[in-house]
Amino acid sequence: MNRLADSPALLSTLDPAMIFPADFVWGVATSAAQIEGAAREDGRGESIWDRFCRVPGAIADGSDIDVACDHYHRLEQDLDLIASLGVKAYRFSVSWSRVQPAGSGAWNPKGLDFYGRLVEGLRARGLQAHLTLNHWDLPQALQDEGGWAARHTVDRFVEYALGVADHLGDGLTSLTTHNEPWVVAMLGHDHGIFAPGIKSRATAMQVSHHLLLSHGRALRALRSAGFDKPAGIVLNLAPLLPATPAPADVAKTRIEDGLLLRWYLDPLFGRGYPQDVWEHLGADAPRVEPGDLDEIAQPLGMLGINYYSRSVVSAGTPYDVHASPLPLTDMDWEIYPQGLAELLLRLHRDYPLPSTYVTENGGAFPDRLVDGRVHDADRIEYLREHIGAVGMALRQGVPMAGYMVWSLLDNFEWASGYAKRFGIVHVDYETQRRTLKDSALWLRQLLQQQAAVHAAARQGAEGKC
């Protein structure tokens, strides 16, 4: 019997270690390509993920993003759903090809109107709007001209950022330029398992540089245009551990750490690209023009961290997670919550962090809808332990400003298609019916109890006056 499902109170008491500051931002997150659907409606142009989904074998279940969660047609319902959870914030992305179908030139009024209604709907419900400009779905028209490997895409991105901010800026709480540039560069252009499906290390590293350069130029342009909300970038980061103490494993771990973390963080904080990684890349190192590094190192108003698991590095036989003593999610990712605290403390030690958010954290589990309920106790435990890790980091001085669950809805999980469910809300893809999982009920009660603790503290303080 599932205690969490059958008890009227999912949380009987609130662990003091789970009490966060009153201004801590709790939220849920999604991305446009994964939930919106309406791929050919109201003037939306083709994106690289629309094209990639049509490559035979690219998506595990042969699916596409044509309908996804049909969020485009169910906006008001989904905004009500977010508000019902008791969170303060919603992190979402704009589909570039929906608002500017060719990636340059003419804007699409219907696309801009959709996001205008989204932001206004959040405001009307008392929710913060945290916007990401690029969550991987580059317009295919730009890819046809070279995509992120071409330097002129940097200029197109700056124009796009200015246009979106001009239309939505007043309603935003924060803006981030790119989500997980490592994924765009490495999975999309080195491994070739994500759109656009290119396999070239040299291309991938050039892409990484152009993503960082476009980030810096966009921040500078936005601030010059008067955009005064916190702005930054979102990185996928993880602690990397050698599989053994052998020197070869230790050396490879240092390079992999450089490629995942330091390659992005060092230039963002004005240190340039790490020399050891540059030397390791050799002929695959990117072309960097004079002044580029200064442009990348624009002051960050915020930093987003996406965390899911650790990485264990071996110079020989690849690490087998199935031999790990740790439990695994449905993605075969180890559940390692202490790694989030380790990561945040390391970043705080190594860099002058601005306000820092966990912008994605969550787990895919083989959820089943039974009698109108989804009893996802594994996800509840996953969230509880990772939220606890954030609290530990905050108490040790890391400037943590918020935590956002990935994801609001079950959705299109990129190359895995729809088989992997990350949502705290179950989606029946045939009917598009949304059902709160036990994890959503748990989160709502956690936030209610947080609010009650802070309300009691305020009343106590007022009583002493």
Protein backbone atom coordinates (compact mmCIF):
# COMPACT_ATOMS: atom_id res chain seq x y z
CA MET A 1 0.00 0.00 0.00
CA ASN A 2 1.28 3.45 -0.88
CA ARG A 3 1.33 5.52 2.32
CA LEU A 4 1.69 8.74 0.34
CA ALA A 5 -1.31 8.04 -1.82
CA ASP A 6 -3.71 6.88 0.86
CA SER A 7 -2.99 9.37 3.61
CA PRO A 8 -5.03 12.61 3.48
CA ALA A 9 -1.85 14.43 4.45
CA LEU A 10 1.16 13.68 2.26
CA LEU A 11 3.39 15.48 4.75
CA SER A 12 2.53 15.01 8.39
CA THR A 13 5.31 17.30 9.58
CA LEU A 14 7.75 19.64 7.88
CA ASP A 15 11.41 18.82 8.41
CA PRO A 16 13.12 22.02 9.61
CA ALA A 17 15.84 21.37 7.02
CA MET A 18 13.16 21.78 4.32
CA ILE A 19 12.17 25.29 5.40
CA PHE A 20 13.44 27.88 2.92
CA PRO A 21 13.44 31.69 3.08
CA ALA A 22 10.11 33.37 2.44
CA ASP A 23 11.39 34.94 -0.78
CA PHE A 24 12.76 31.67 -2.17
CA VAL A 25 11.20 31.07 -5.61
CA TRP A 26 9.46 27.73 -6.15
CA GLY A 27 8.51 26.91 -9.71
CA VAL A 28 7.89 24.40 -12.46
CA ALA A 29 9.52 24.32 -15.88
CA THR A 30 8.78 23.30 -19.48
CA SER A 31 10.05 24.08 -22.97
CA ALA A 32 8.19 25.09 -26.11
CA ALA A 33 9.16 22.20 -28.39
CA GLN A 34 8.31 19.62 -25.75
CA ILE A 35 4.75 20.72 -24.96
CA GLU A 36 3.27 23.23 -27.40
CA GLY A 37 2.30 21.23 -30.47
CA ALA A 38 0.48 23.27 -33.14
CA ALA A 39 3.59 22.82 -35.23
CA ARG A 40 2.03 24.00 -38.48
CA GLU A 41 -0.52 26.48 -37.18
CA ASP A 42 -0.80 30.25 -37.10
CA GLY A 43 2.31 30.96 -39.12
CA ARG A 44 4.86 28.93 -37.15
CA GLY A 45 7.94 28.04 -39.18
CA GLU A 46 9.82 24.75 -39.18
CA SER A 47 12.41 24.17 -36.46
CA ILE A 48 15.38 21.83 -36.46
CA TRP A 49 13.46 19.48 -34.17
CA ASP A 50 10.54 19.31 -36.60
CA ARG A 51 13.02 18.25 -39.26
CA PHE A 52 15.01 15.90 -37.00
CA CYS A 53 11.88 14.04 -35.92
CA ARG A 54 11.41 13.01 -39.54
CA VAL A 55 14.81 11.33 -39.77
CA PRO A 56 14.19 7.56 -39.65
CA GLY A 57 15.37 6.14 -36.33
CA ALA A 58 16.19 9.51 -34.76
CA ILE A 59 13.37 9.32 -32.18
CA ALA A 60 13.09 6.09 -30.20
CA ASP A 61 9.34 5.70 -30.60
CA GLY A 62 9.12 7.32 -34.03
CA SER A 63 7.11 10.24 -32.65
CA ASP A 64 7.25 13.97 -33.38
CA ILE A 65 6.33 17.34 -31.86
CA ASP A 66 3.36 18.08 -34.10
CA VAL A 67 0.86 17.79 -31.21
CA ALA A 68 2.97 17.07 -28.09
CA CYS A 69 0.89 18.18 -25.05
CA ASP A 70 -1.24 20.52 -27.18
CA HIS A 71 -0.29 23.34 -24.80
CA TYR A 72 -0.81 25.91 -27.56
CA HIS A 73 -4.56 25.19 -27.50
CA ARG A 74 -4.77 24.50 -23.76
CA LEU A 75 -2.91 27.52 -22.45
CA GLU A 76 -5.50 28.76 -19.97
CA GLN A 77 -6.10 25.28 -18.57
CA ASP A 78 -2.39 24.74 -18.10
CA LEU A 79 -1.90 28.12 -16.45
CA ASP A 80 -4.69 27.28 -14.02
CA LEU A 81 -2.93 23.98 -13.36
CA ILE A 82 0.34 25.77 -12.52
CA ALA A 83 -1.46 28.17 -10.19
CA SER A 84 -3.18 25.27 -8.41
CA LEU A 85 0.19 23.85 -7.35
CA GLY A 86 1.01 26.82 -5.13
CA VAL A 87 4.30 27.62 -6.87
CA LYS A 88 5.48 31.18 -7.43
CA ALA A 89 7.00 30.83 -10.88
CA TYR A 90 6.85 29.25 -14.30
CA ARG A 91 9.92 28.77 -16.48
CA PHE A 92 9.12 28.41 -20.17
CA SER A 93 10.77 28.97 -23.52
CA VAL A 94 9.77 30.79 -26.68
CA SER A 95 9.71 28.88 -29.93
CA TRP A 96 11.86 31.09 -32.16
CA SER A 97 10.20 29.75 -35.31
CA ARG A 98 6.75 30.55 -33.91
CA VAL A 99 7.52 34.23 -33.44
CA GLN A 100 10.01 34.70 -36.30
CA PRO A 101 9.45 31.83 -38.74
CA ALA A 102 12.61 32.31 -40.80
CA GLY A 103 14.83 33.19 -37.85
CA SER A 104 15.24 36.70 -39.23
CA GLY A 105 13.13 39.34 -40.90
CA ALA A 106 9.36 39.32 -40.47
CA TRP A 107 7.78 38.65 -37.10
CA ASN A 108 4.66 36.53 -36.70
CA PRO A 109 1.93 38.47 -34.85
CA LYS A 110 -0.02 35.34 -33.91
CA GLY A 111 3.06 33.78 -32.36
CA LEU A 112 3.90 36.90 -30.41
CA ASP A 113 0.29 37.12 -29.27
CA PHE A 114 0.44 33.58 -27.87
CA TYR A 115 3.39 34.43 -25.64
CA GLY A 116 1.84 37.75 -24.74
CA ARG A 117 -1.23 35.88 -23.49
CA LEU A 118 1.00 33.42 -21.64
CA VAL A 119 2.88 36.15 -19.79
CA GLU A 120 -0.29 38.11 -19.06
CA GLY A 121 -1.96 34.93 -17.84
CA LEU A 122 0.87 34.32 -15.42
CA ARG A 123 0.68 37.89 -14.15
CA ALA A 124 -3.07 37.63 -13.64
CA ARG A 125 -2.54 34.52 -11.52
CA GLY A 126 0.22 36.10 -9.44
CA LEU A 127 2.96 33.97 -11.00
CA GLN A 128 6.45 35.00 -12.10
CA ALA A 129 7.44 34.58 -15.75
CA HIS A 130 10.96 33.20 -16.28
CA LEU A 131 11.68 33.14 -20.01
CA THR A 132 14.33 31.17 -21.91
CA LEU A 133 15.01 32.38 -25.44
CA ASN A 134 16.65 29.25 -26.86
CA HIS A 135 15.66 25.81 -25.64
CA TRP A 136 17.24 24.05 -28.64
CA ASP A 137 14.59 24.58 -31.37
CA LEU A 138 16.53 26.76 -33.84
CA PRO A 139 14.53 27.76 -36.94
CA GLN A 140 15.33 25.34 -39.77
CA ALA A 141 15.79 28.29 -42.12
CA LEU A 142 18.82 29.35 -40.07
CA GLN A 143 20.14 25.80 -39.97
CA ASP A 144 19.96 25.74 -43.76
CA GLU A 145 22.34 28.73 -43.70
CA GLY A 146 24.82 27.01 -41.35
CA GLY A 147 23.01 27.14 -38.01
CA TRP A 148 25.01 27.73 -34.85
CA ALA A 149 28.19 26.79 -36.68
CA ALA A 150 27.84 29.99 -38.72
CA ARG A 151 28.89 33.25 -37.07
CA HIS A 152 26.04 35.23 -38.58
CA THR A 153 23.57 33.22 -36.45
CA VAL A 154 24.97 35.16 -33.50
CA ASP A 155 23.64 38.37 -35.05
CA ARG A 156 20.27 36.77 -35.79
CA PHE A 157 19.99 35.68 -32.16
CA VAL A 158 20.66 39.18 -30.88
CA GLU A 159 17.90 40.54 -33.13
CA TYR A 160 15.57 37.80 -31.90
CA ALA A 161 16.38 38.55 -28.24
CA LEU A 162 15.66 42.24 -28.71
CA GLY A 163 12.39 41.55 -30.50
CA VAL A 164 11.09 39.16 -27.86
CA ALA A 165 12.14 41.45 -25.00
CA ASP A 166 10.48 44.40 -26.68
CA HIS A 167 7.22 42.46 -26.89
CA LEU A 168 7.27 40.63 -23.54
CA GLY A 169 9.84 42.41 -21.40
CA ASP A 170 7.53 44.31 -19.07
CA GLY A 171 5.84 41.09 -17.99
CA LEU A 172 8.99 39.07 -17.35
CA THR A 173 10.67 38.37 -14.03
CA SER A 174 13.88 37.07 -15.61
CA LEU A 175 15.34 36.15 -18.98
CA THR A 176 17.92 33.54 -19.90
CA THR A 177 19.54 33.31 -23.30
CA HIS A 178 20.30 29.62 -23.79
CA ASN A 179 19.31 26.40 -22.13
CA GLU A 180 22.19 23.95 -21.82
CA PRO A 181 24.56 25.05 -24.59
CA TRP A 182 26.63 21.89 -23.94
CA VAL A 183 23.69 19.80 -25.14
CA VAL A 184 23.23 21.87 -28.29
CA ALA A 185 26.93 21.64 -29.08
CA MET A 186 27.80 18.09 -28.07
CA LEU A 187 24.61 16.05 -28.48
CA GLY A 188 23.51 18.02 -31.53
CA HIS A 189 26.82 18.52 -33.33
CA ASP A 190 29.33 15.96 -31.96
CA HIS A 191 27.36 12.84 -30.99
CA GLY A 192 24.62 13.64 -33.51
CA ILE A 193 21.82 12.15 -31.40
CA PHE A 194 19.93 15.45 -31.05
CA ALA A 195 18.95 17.96 -33.72
CA PRO A 196 20.46 18.86 -36.12
CA GLY A 197 22.20 15.46 -36.05
CA ILE A 198 25.75 16.50 -37.00
CA LYS A 199 28.79 14.43 -35.96
CA SER A 200 31.89 16.62 -35.87
CA ARG A 201 33.87 17.59 -32.76
CA ALA A 202 35.30 20.67 -34.51
CA THR A 203 31.82 21.84 -35.50
CA ALA A 204 30.53 21.22 -31.98
CA MET A 205 33.23 23.36 -30.40
CA GLN A 206 32.61 26.18 -32.87
CA VAL A 207 28.92 25.95 -32.02
CA SER A 208 29.73 26.19 -28.32
CA HIS A 209 31.69 29.38 -28.92
CA HIS A 210 28.94 30.96 -31.01
CA LEU A 211 26.35 30.11 -28.38
CA LEU A 212 28.42 31.80 -25.69
CA LEU A 213 29.18 34.77 -27.94
CA SER A 214 25.49 35.20 -28.80
CA HIS A 215 24.67 35.06 -25.10
CA GLY A 216 27.10 37.86 -24.28
CA ARG A 217 26.11 40.04 -27.21
CA ALA A 218 22.42 39.56 -26.45
CA LEU A 219 22.85 40.58 -22.80
CA ARG A 220 24.79 43.67 -23.81
CA ALA A 221 22.20 44.62 -26.44
CA LEU A 222 19.28 44.03 -24.08
CA ARG A 223 20.78 46.19 -21.37
CA SER A 224 21.61 48.93 -23.87
CA ALA A 225 17.96 48.84 -24.95
CA GLY A 226 16.80 49.36 -21.35
CA PHE A 227 15.93 45.80 -20.34
CA ASP A 228 16.42 45.87 -16.58
CA LYS A 229 15.28 42.43 -15.41
CA PRO A 230 17.77 39.80 -14.19
CA ALA A 231 19.29 38.10 -17.23
CA GLY A 232 21.67 35.19 -17.57
CA ILE A 233 22.09 31.67 -18.92
CA VAL A 234 21.17 28.09 -17.97
CA LEU A 235 23.84 25.36 -17.86
CA ASN A 236 23.56 21.61 -17.38
CA LEU A 237 26.21 20.70 -14.83
CA ALA A 238 27.21 17.69 -12.79
CA PRO A 239 29.99 16.53 -10.50
CA LEU A 240 32.38 14.25 -12.39
CA LEU A 241 34.13 11.45 -10.55
CA PRO A 242 36.88 9.08 -11.77
CA ALA A 243 35.77 5.45 -11.91
CA THR A 244 39.02 4.43 -10.18
CA PRO A 245 42.02 6.24 -8.64
CA ALA A 246 44.10 5.24 -11.67
CA PRO A 247 45.98 8.22 -13.16
CA ALA A 248 44.36 7.67 -16.56
CA ASP A 249 40.85 7.90 -15.06
CA VAL A 250 41.78 10.98 -13.02
CA ALA A 251 43.27 12.72 -16.06
CA LYS A 252 40.26 11.95 -18.26
CA THR A 253 37.91 13.18 -15.53
CA ARG A 254 39.75 16.51 -15.44
CA ILE A 255 39.29 16.96 -19.20
CA GLU A 256 35.64 15.90 -19.13
CA ASP A 257 35.05 18.33 -16.26
CA GLY A 258 36.64 20.98 -18.44
CA LEU A 259 34.42 20.20 -21.41
CA LEU A 260 31.20 20.16 -19.37
CA LEU A 261 31.75 22.84 -16.72
CA ARG A 262 34.84 25.00 -17.11
CA TRP A 263 34.49 25.47 -20.90
CA TYR A 264 31.30 27.43 -20.23
CA LEU A 265 31.77 28.87 -16.75
CA ASP A 266 35.32 30.17 -17.18
CA PRO A 267 34.58 32.46 -20.16
CA LEU A 268 31.25 33.55 -18.66
CA PHE A 269 33.15 34.77 -15.60
CA GLY A 270 35.90 36.48 -17.61
CA ARG A 271 38.62 33.84 -17.44
CA GLY A 272 38.62 32.79 -21.08
CA TYR A 273 38.61 29.18 -22.21
CA PRO A 274 40.49 26.75 -19.94
CA GLN A 275 43.98 26.17 -21.31
CA ASP A 276 44.07 22.43 -20.62
CA VAL A 277 40.87 21.86 -22.59
CA TRP A 278 42.05 24.12 -25.42
CA GLU A 279 45.25 22.10 -25.72
CA HIS A 280 43.31 18.84 -25.55
CA LEU A 281 41.08 19.94 -28.45
CA GLY A 282 43.99 20.75 -30.73
CA ALA A 283 42.70 21.28 -34.27
CA ASP A 284 39.10 21.00 -33.01
CA ALA A 285 39.39 24.21 -30.96
CA PRO A 286 37.05 26.97 -32.19
CA ARG A 287 37.94 30.11 -34.09
CA VAL A 288 37.81 33.00 -31.63
CA GLU A 289 38.05 36.55 -32.95
CA PRO A 290 39.54 39.51 -31.07
CA GLY A 291 37.09 40.88 -28.52
CA ASP A 292 34.93 37.74 -28.40
CA LEU A 293 35.94 36.76 -24.88
CA ASP A 294 35.20 40.24 -23.55
CA GLU A 295 31.74 40.09 -25.12
CA ILE A 296 31.02 36.67 -23.59
CA ALA A 297 31.95 37.90 -20.10
CA GLN A 298 28.96 40.20 -19.62
CA PRO A 299 27.88 40.49 -15.96
CA LEU A 300 25.32 37.81 -15.08
CA GLY A 301 22.17 38.91 -13.32
CA MET A 302 21.32 35.27 -12.62
CA LEU A 303 22.57 31.77 -13.31
CA GLY A 304 20.43 28.71 -13.90
CA ILE A 305 21.71 25.22 -13.05
CA ASN A 306 20.07 22.06 -14.40
CA TYR A 307 21.00 18.95 -12.43
CA TYR A 308 19.94 15.33 -12.84
CA SER A 309 22.81 13.04 -11.85
CA ARG A 310 26.55 12.64 -11.46
CA SER A 311 28.95 11.42 -14.14
CA VAL A 312 31.51 8.69 -13.53
CA VAL A 313 34.44 8.80 -15.95
CA SER A 314 36.63 5.94 -17.11
CA ALA A 315 39.55 6.06 -19.52
CA GLY A 316 38.98 2.40 -20.39
CA THR A 317 35.77 0.42 -20.11
CA PRO A 318 32.79 2.80 -19.96
CA TYR A 319 31.16 3.03 -16.55
CA ASP A 320 28.16 0.69 -16.27
CA VAL A 321 25.38 2.35 -14.30
CA HIS A 322 23.57 -0.98 -14.04
CA ALA A 323 26.41 -2.21 -11.84
CA SER A 324 26.04 0.85 -9.62
CA PRO A 325 24.77 0.46 -6.05
CA LEU A 326 22.67 3.59 -6.59
CA PRO A 327 19.04 3.44 -7.76
CA LEU A 328 18.35 4.52 -11.34
CA THR A 329 15.62 6.58 -12.96
CA ASP A 330 13.81 5.42 -16.08
CA MET A 331 16.51 7.23 -18.09
CA ASP A 332 19.13 4.94 -16.50
CA TRP A 333 20.53 7.92 -14.61
CA GLU A 334 21.87 7.34 -11.12
CA ILE A 335 19.93 9.03 -8.33
CA TYR A 336 22.63 10.99 -6.54
CA PRO A 337 21.09 13.93 -4.67
CA GLN A 338 24.22 14.73 -2.68
CA GLY A 339 25.85 15.55 -6.00
CA LEU A 340 23.65 18.62 -6.30
CA ALA A 341 24.96 20.01 -3.00
CA GLU A 342 28.52 19.09 -4.00
CA LEU A 343 28.09 20.87 -7.33
CA LEU A 344 26.59 24.03 -5.87
CA LEU A 345 29.27 24.29 -3.19
CA ARG A 346 32.02 23.78 -5.78
CA LEU A 347 30.56 26.53 -7.99
CA HIS A 348 30.30 28.87 -5.01
CA ARG A 349 33.93 28.18 -4.17
CA ASP A 350 35.26 28.59 -7.72
CA TYR A 351 33.15 31.46 -9.12
CA PRO A 352 31.52 34.71 -7.92
CA LEU A 353 27.98 33.43 -8.36
CA PRO A 354 25.05 35.79 -8.91
CA SER A 355 21.56 34.81 -7.76
CA THR A 356 21.47 31.12 -8.62
CA TYR A 357 18.47 28.95 -9.44
CA VAL A 358 18.09 25.24 -9.91
CA THR A 359 16.14 25.73 -13.13
CA GLU A 360 15.60 22.01 -13.79
CA ASN A 361 15.63 19.00 -11.52
CA GLY A 362 13.46 15.92 -11.71
CA GLY A 363 13.30 12.25 -12.56
CA ALA A 364 11.65 10.04 -15.15
CA PHE A 365 9.90 7.02 -13.69
CA PRO A 366 7.63 4.35 -15.24
CA ASP A 367 4.42 6.00 -14.06
CA ARG A 368 1.06 4.27 -14.40
CA LEU A 369 -2.36 5.89 -14.20
CA VAL A 370 -4.53 3.57 -12.10
CA ASP A 371 -8.07 4.48 -11.06
CA GLY A 372 -7.40 8.13 -11.75
CA ARG A 373 -4.20 8.32 -9.66
CA VAL A 374 -0.46 8.11 -10.27
CA HIS A 375 1.35 6.88 -7.18
CA ASP A 376 4.88 8.07 -7.94
CA ALA A 377 6.54 7.59 -4.56
CA ASP A 378 9.95 7.30 -6.23
CA ARG A 379 9.61 10.79 -7.69
CA ILE A 380 8.51 12.23 -4.36
CA GLU A 381 11.60 10.79 -2.70
CA TYR A 382 13.76 12.10 -5.57
CA LEU A 383 12.38 15.62 -5.19
CA ARG A 384 12.55 15.57 -1.40
CA GLU A 385 16.20 14.56 -1.38
CA HIS A 386 17.25 17.05 -4.07
CA ILE A 387 15.35 19.92 -2.46
CA GLY A 388 17.13 18.99 0.76
CA ALA A 389 20.46 19.23 -1.09
CA VAL A 390 19.58 22.74 -2.26
CA GLY A 391 18.74 23.70 1.31
CA MET A 392 22.07 22.34 2.50
CA ALA A 393 23.92 24.46 -0.08
CA LEU A 394 21.91 27.55 0.82
CA ARG A 395 22.69 27.17 4.52
CA GLN A 396 26.38 27.01 3.63
CA GLY A 397 26.27 30.34 1.85
CA VAL A 398 25.48 29.51 -1.77
CA PRO A 399 23.26 32.35 -3.14
CA MET A 400 20.34 30.09 -4.01
CA ALA A 401 17.29 32.04 -5.16
CA GLY A 402 14.94 29.33 -6.36
CA TYR A 403 14.17 25.75 -7.38
CA MET A 404 12.09 24.63 -10.36
CA VAL A 405 10.82 21.12 -10.93
CA TRP A 406 11.33 19.46 -14.28
CA SER A 407 8.74 19.09 -15.43
CA LEU A 408 5.22 20.41 -15.08
CA LEU A 409 3.88 17.95 -17.64
CA ASP A 410 4.86 14.62 -19.10
CA ASN A 411 6.12 15.62 -22.53
CA PHE A 412 8.27 14.93 -25.59
CA GLU A 413 11.61 13.80 -24.14
CA TRP A 414 13.69 14.57 -27.23
CA ALA A 415 15.32 11.46 -28.75
CA SER A 416 13.39 9.26 -26.29
CA GLY A 417 10.04 10.43 -27.63
CA TYR A 418 7.06 10.12 -25.29
CA ALA A 419 8.10 6.93 -23.48
CA LYS A 420 9.89 8.73 -20.62
CA ARG A 421 7.70 10.64 -18.18
CA PHE A 422 9.28 13.47 -16.17
CA GLY A 423 6.08 15.33 -15.28
CA ILE A 424 4.49 15.84 -11.90
CA VAL A 425 1.31 16.00 -13.97
CA HIS A 426 0.38 12.93 -16.01
CA VAL A 427 -0.64 13.50 -19.63
CA ASP A 428 -2.80 11.01 -21.52
CA TYR A 429 -1.53 11.75 -25.02
CA GLU A 430 -4.65 10.35 -26.70
CA THR A 431 -7.11 12.51 -24.78
CA GLN A 432 -4.70 15.22 -23.50
CA ARG A 433 -6.23 14.76 -20.07
CA ARG A 434 -4.04 16.11 -17.26
CA THR A 435 -3.91 14.29 -13.90
CA LEU A 436 -1.99 15.50 -10.85
CA LYS A 437 0.42 12.80 -9.73
CA ASP A 438 1.07 12.22 -6.05
CA SER A 439 4.30 14.20 -6.52
CA ALA A 440 2.29 17.27 -7.52
CA LEU A 441 0.10 16.88 -4.43
CA TRP A 442 3.23 16.46 -2.31
CA LEU A 443 4.80 19.60 -3.75
CA ARG A 444 1.61 21.59 -3.17
CA GLN A 445 1.46 20.51 0.45
CA LEU A 446 5.17 21.23 0.96
CA LEU A 447 4.62 24.79 -0.27
CA GLN A 448 1.48 25.20 1.84
CA GLN A 449 3.40 24.18 4.93
CA GLN A 450 6.26 26.52 3.99
CA ALA A 451 3.74 29.35 3.72
CA ALA A 452 2.21 28.45 7.08
CA VAL A 453 5.61 28.48 8.79
CA HIS A 454 6.41 31.93 7.40
CA ALA A 455 2.96 33.28 8.25
CA ALA A 456 3.37 32.11 11.86
CA ALA A 457 6.82 33.70 12.02
CA ARG A 458 5.45 37.02 10.77
CA GLN A 459 2.63 36.95 13.29
CA GLY A 460 5.10 36.21 16.06
CA ALA A 461 7.31 39.11 15.00
CA GLU A 462 4.33 41.47 14.85
CA GLY A 463 3.24 40.37 18.29
CA LYS A 464 6.58 41.46 19.72
CA CYS A 465 6.30 44.96 18.29
